[in-house]
Protein backbone atom coordinates (compact mmCIF):
# COMPACT_ATOMS: atom_id res chain seq x y z
CA MET A 1 0.51 -7.04 -10.48
CA THR A 2 -2.69 -7.62 -12.40
CA PRO A 3 -5.76 -7.47 -10.12
CA TYR A 4 -7.48 -10.82 -9.83
CA ALA A 5 -10.72 -9.28 -11.11
CA ARG A 6 -9.09 -9.06 -14.56
CA ARG A 7 -8.34 -12.77 -14.59
CA GLY A 8 -11.77 -14.07 -15.47
CA VAL A 9 -14.37 -15.81 -13.30
CA HIS A 10 -11.74 -17.40 -11.07
CA GLY A 11 -10.11 -14.06 -10.33
CA GLN A 12 -13.40 -12.30 -9.75
CA THR A 13 -14.40 -15.00 -7.28
CA VAL A 14 -11.12 -14.63 -5.39
CA GLU A 15 -11.63 -10.88 -5.07
CA ALA A 16 -15.31 -11.18 -4.10
CA LEU A 17 -14.47 -13.59 -1.29
CA ALA A 18 -11.47 -11.54 -0.18
CA ARG A 19 -13.55 -8.36 0.04
CA ARG A 20 -16.19 -10.11 2.15
CA ILE A 21 -13.58 -11.42 4.55
CA LEU A 22 -11.55 -8.21 4.78
CA GLY A 23 -14.73 -6.16 5.19
CA GLY A 24 -15.95 -8.36 8.03
CA GLU A 25 -19.00 -9.60 6.14
CA ILE A 26 -17.58 -13.08 6.67
CA PRO A 27 -15.97 -12.74 10.11
CA GLU A 28 -12.90 -14.44 11.52
CA GLY A 29 -13.71 -17.98 12.62
CA ALA A 30 -16.82 -18.24 10.44
CA THR A 31 -17.38 -21.53 8.62
CA LEU A 32 -18.16 -21.00 4.94
CA ASP A 33 -21.32 -22.41 3.44
CA LEU A 34 -19.88 -23.44 0.07
CA VAL A 35 -23.24 -24.35 -1.45
CA ALA A 36 -24.70 -20.95 -0.55
CA LEU A 37 -21.58 -19.11 -1.78
CA GLN A 38 -21.66 -21.05 -5.03
CA SER A 39 -25.22 -19.91 -5.62
CA GLU A 40 -24.60 -16.29 -4.55
CA LEU A 41 -21.50 -15.91 -6.70
CA ASP A 42 -22.97 -17.93 -9.57
CA VAL A 43 -19.83 -20.03 -10.07
CA SER A 44 -19.11 -23.73 -10.24
CA LEU A 45 -18.05 -25.57 -7.12
CA THR A 46 -14.72 -26.24 -8.80
CA ALA A 47 -14.12 -22.51 -9.41
CA LEU A 48 -15.11 -21.74 -5.82
CA ARG A 49 -12.72 -24.33 -4.40
CA GLU A 50 -9.88 -23.10 -6.61
CA SER A 51 -10.52 -19.56 -5.41
CA LEU A 52 -10.43 -20.69 -1.80
CA LYS A 53 -7.06 -22.32 -2.47
CA VAL A 54 -5.72 -18.88 -3.41
CA LEU A 55 -7.00 -17.39 -0.15
CA ALA A 56 -5.67 -20.37 1.79
CA ALA A 57 -2.20 -19.70 0.34
CA LYS A 58 -2.51 -16.16 1.68
CA GLY A 59 -3.41 -17.44 5.16
CA MET A 60 -6.98 -16.15 5.07
CA VAL A 61 -8.91 -19.43 5.08
CA ASP A 62 -8.28 -23.05 6.00
CA ALA A 63 -10.16 -26.33 5.81
CA ARG A 64 -10.41 -29.05 8.43
CA GLN A 65 -12.26 -32.33 8.65
CA LYS A 66 -15.58 -32.10 10.49
CA ARG A 67 -15.32 -28.29 10.54
CA GLY A 68 -15.17 -27.48 6.84
CA THR A 69 -13.66 -24.34 5.33
CA PHE A 70 -13.39 -21.41 7.72
CA VAL A 71 -11.88 -17.93 7.97
CA ARG A 72 -8.65 -17.88 9.92
CA ALA A 73 -7.81 -15.23 12.53
CA ARG A 74 -6.39 -12.01 11.12
CA ALA A 75 -3.13 -12.76 12.93
CA ASP A 76 -2.66 -15.67 10.50
CA TRP A 77 -3.24 -13.65 7.33
CA ASN A 78 -0.26 -12.82 5.14
CA LEU A 79 -0.65 -9.07 5.50
CA LEU A 80 2.55 -8.46 3.52
CA ASP A 81 1.07 -10.15 0.46
CA ALA A 82 0.63 -7.57 -2.31
CA ASP A 83 -2.93 -8.71 -3.10
CA VAL A 84 -4.02 -8.67 0.56
CA LEU A 85 -2.64 -5.14 0.93
CA ARG A 86 -4.34 -3.95 -2.25
CA TRP A 87 -7.68 -5.50 -1.30
CA GLN A 88 -7.61 -3.66 2.02
CA PHE A 89 -7.25 -0.31 0.27
CA GLU A 90 -10.09 -0.83 -2.19
CA GLY A 91 -13.32 1.08 -1.81
CA GLY A 92 -14.76 4.50 -2.51
CA ARG A 93 -13.77 6.25 0.72
CA THR A 94 -11.00 5.77 3.24
CA THR A 95 -12.21 3.81 6.25
CA GLY A 96 -10.90 3.74 9.80
CA ALA A 97 -9.19 0.43 9.12
CA GLN A 98 -7.47 1.94 6.10
CA TRP A 99 -6.25 4.92 8.12
CA SER A 100 -4.76 2.42 10.57
CA LEU A 101 -2.99 0.68 7.70
CA LEU A 102 -1.67 4.00 6.44
CA ARG A 103 -0.27 4.67 9.92
CA ASN A 104 1.41 1.27 9.87
CA LEU A 105 2.77 1.99 6.41
CA ALA A 106 4.21 5.31 7.57
CA GLU A 107 6.02 3.51 10.39
CA VAL A 108 7.36 0.83 8.03
CA ARG A 109 8.58 3.47 5.59
CA ALA A 110 10.29 5.39 8.42
CA ILE A 111 12.24 2.25 9.28
CA ILE A 112 13.04 1.01 5.77
CA GLU A 113 13.49 3.97 3.44
CA PRO A 114 16.08 6.04 5.37
CA ALA A 115 18.28 2.95 5.66
CA ALA A 116 17.61 1.92 2.06
CA VAL A 117 18.53 5.33 0.67
CA ARG A 118 21.93 5.11 2.36
CA LEU A 119 22.62 1.93 0.43
CA ALA A 120 21.26 3.51 -2.74
CA ALA A 121 23.70 6.42 -2.35
CA GLU A 122 26.59 3.99 -2.02
CA ARG A 123 25.57 1.52 -4.73
CA ARG A 124 23.56 3.41 -7.33
CA THR A 125 24.46 3.09 -10.99
CA GLU A 126 23.94 5.54 -13.83
CA ALA A 127 20.93 3.47 -14.88
CA ASP A 128 19.46 3.86 -11.38
CA LEU A 129 19.97 7.61 -11.53
CA LEU A 130 18.22 7.79 -14.88
CA LEU A 131 15.13 6.07 -13.46
CA LEU A 132 15.10 8.37 -10.43
CA GLU A 133 15.56 11.48 -12.58
CA THR A 134 12.80 10.40 -14.96
CA ALA A 135 10.40 9.95 -12.05
CA VAL A 136 11.20 13.37 -10.60
CA GLU A 137 10.81 15.02 -14.01
CA ALA A 138 7.41 13.36 -14.43
CA MET A 139 6.44 14.59 -10.97
CA ALA A 140 7.50 18.14 -11.86
CA ARG A 141 5.41 18.47 -15.03
CA GLU A 142 2.84 21.25 -14.62
CA ASP A 143 0.19 19.29 -16.47
CA THR A 144 0.57 16.20 -14.27
CA ASP A 145 -2.84 15.03 -13.11
CA PRO A 146 -3.28 13.18 -9.78
CA GLY A 147 -3.12 9.78 -11.46
CA HIS A 148 0.17 10.54 -13.21
CA ALA A 149 1.56 12.09 -10.01
CA VAL A 150 0.82 8.85 -8.18
CA ASP A 151 2.55 6.83 -10.90
CA ALA A 152 5.60 9.10 -10.79
CA ASP A 153 5.89 8.84 -7.01
CA LEU A 154 5.60 5.06 -7.10
CA ALA A 155 8.23 4.91 -9.85
CA PHE A 156 10.61 7.02 -7.75
CA HIS A 157 10.33 4.87 -4.63
CA ARG A 158 10.50 1.67 -6.68
CA ALA A 159 13.69 2.90 -8.36
CA LEU A 160 15.14 3.92 -5.01
CA LEU A 161 14.70 0.44 -3.57
CA ALA A 162 16.11 -1.08 -6.76
CA ALA A 163 19.17 1.18 -6.43
CA THR A 164 20.10 -0.60 -3.18
CA HIS A 165 20.90 -3.68 -5.28
CA ASN A 166 19.62 -5.77 -2.38
CA GLU A 167 17.02 -8.17 -3.74
CA LEU A 168 15.16 -8.43 -0.43
CA LEU A 169 14.86 -4.66 -0.11
CA GLU A 170 13.73 -4.51 -3.73
CA ARG A 171 10.85 -6.85 -2.84
CA MET A 172 9.73 -4.40 -0.15
CA GLU A 173 8.16 -2.36 -2.94
CA MET A 174 5.35 -4.91 -2.94
CA VAL A 175 4.68 -4.07 0.70
CA ILE A 176 4.97 -0.32 0.32
CA GLU A 177 3.38 0.21 -3.08
CA SER A 178 -0.30 -0.62 -2.44
CA GLY A 179 -0.55 1.58 0.62
CA LEU A 180 1.59 4.32 -0.91
CA ALA A 181 -0.62 4.40 -4.00
CA HIS A 182 -3.74 4.84 -1.83
CA ARG A 183 -2.04 7.52 0.27
CA ASP A 184 -0.88 9.33 -2.87
CA ARG A 185 -4.36 9.29 -4.38
CA ILE A 186 -5.69 10.99 -1.25
CA VAL A 187 -2.89 13.55 -1.02
CA HIS A 188 -2.55 14.44 -4.71
CA SER A 189 -6.30 15.00 -4.94
CA SER A 190 -6.08 17.57 -2.14
CA PRO A 191 -5.33 21.25 -2.90
CA HIS A 192 -3.55 21.58 0.45
CA SER A 193 -0.61 19.23 -0.10
CA GLU A 194 2.93 20.58 -0.34
CA ASP A 195 4.87 20.45 -3.60
CA PRO A 196 6.51 16.98 -3.55
CA VAL A 197 9.20 17.80 -6.12
CA PRO A 198 11.79 19.63 -3.93
CA ALA A 199 11.82 16.86 -1.31
CA HIS A 200 12.23 14.14 -3.92
CA ARG A 201 14.87 16.14 -5.79
CA ALA A 202 16.86 16.54 -2.55
CA VAL A 203 16.91 12.76 -2.16
CA LEU A 204 17.95 12.35 -5.80
CA ASP A 205 20.77 14.92 -5.45
CA ALA A 206 22.19 13.19 -2.39
CA VAL A 207 22.05 9.79 -4.08
CA ARG A 208 23.73 11.25 -7.17
CA ASP A 209 26.47 12.73 -4.93
CA ARG A 210 26.98 9.36 -3.22
CA ASP A 211 26.37 11.02 0.17
CA PRO A 212 24.62 8.46 2.44
CA GLN A 213 24.14 10.86 5.37
CA ALA A 214 22.65 13.61 3.23
CA ALA A 215 20.45 11.03 1.50
CA GLU A 216 19.10 9.77 4.82
CA THR A 217 18.45 13.31 6.05
CA ALA A 218 16.63 14.16 2.81
CA MET A 219 14.54 11.00 3.01
CA ARG A 220 13.50 11.73 6.59
CA ALA A 221 12.46 15.22 5.51
CA LEU A 222 10.46 13.72 2.64
CA LEU A 223 8.68 11.34 5.02
CA ASP A 224 7.96 14.19 7.43
CA GLN A 225 6.36 16.12 4.57
CA ALA A 226 4.31 13.05 3.63
CA GLY A 227 3.00 12.91 7.19
CA ARG A 228 2.09 16.61 7.18
CA ASP A 229 0.25 16.29 3.88
CA LEU A 230 -1.89 13.45 5.15
CA ALA A 231 -2.57 15.23 8.44
CA ARG A 232 -4.06 18.22 6.63
CA ILE A 233 -6.78 16.18 5.04
CA ASP A 234 -10.23 16.25 6.63
CA HIS A 235 -11.65 13.25 8.42
CA PRO A 236 -13.56 10.71 6.35
CA GLU A 237 -17.27 10.30 6.98
CA ASP A 238 -16.86 7.66 9.69
CA GLY A 239 -15.05 10.10 11.99
CA THR A 240 -11.52 8.71 11.80
CA GLY A 241 -8.84 10.76 10.16
CA PRO A 242 -5.31 11.11 8.91
CA ASP A 243 -3.97 11.62 12.43
CA ARG A 244 -4.41 7.88 12.76
CA ALA A 245 -2.32 7.37 9.66
CA THR A 246 0.56 9.42 11.04
CA GLY A 247 0.54 7.95 14.51
CA ALA A 248 -0.97 10.87 16.48
CA GLU A 249 -3.78 10.37 18.94
CA ASP A 250 -7.23 11.78 18.21
CA THR A 251 -9.28 11.38 21.34
CA LYS A 252 -12.06 13.71 20.26
CA GLY A 253 -12.51 12.52 16.67
CA SER A 254 -12.41 16.08 15.37
CA ASP A 255 -9.77 17.80 13.26
CA GLY A 256 -6.55 16.24 11.96
CA GLN A 257 -3.10 16.39 13.57
């Protein structure tokens, strides 16, 4: 999906407002001063209102008579929306809120991917196998830089969901992909992460063999490795760390899991 910032003034306004809301600069329940925002963002009132319509469709803002336009409670936001997920992972360093999202993502993946890979093993086609093999080969290249490694991993998991031939599971890639991309950028930039190729190849082999149980076992091992990789990474500057992304408690705010 093309980031809104690449879609001209309208898109840039959407992203600017979204970042302010997600970052807490405009808190939940706050009423927006449209005149002030128009001046700050240097956009027309029409462009501002159109941008707010986008955020309203994502559950982030609403408008009422006598109250005006206001930020809705986080519980009302469409957190599964691909843009909302991506916006939450933007920024130079990983924040405590982002570690929490990574933890949630790990839990979602642990529920979805072992079950999905069973279906993939039963339903995969030769075309599905080709996509999976291509992704693993790209991952295995010695000259693969972190950016290409991220792309290869995303391609693998996207192909795996597609191999289920369940259109609702295929759409789950929109939920998983933004967080997985951020997690991969952290892990693949670290010298301490384990080689991801054997774990992914084990999943591929089981899918190729049409062995649902072996595929599920391999996927659970892959997810366990993903958790270990993230847990090895040092805490970000604000004192929260990867233990929060893997579900472990960190009562002292010191080293990872």
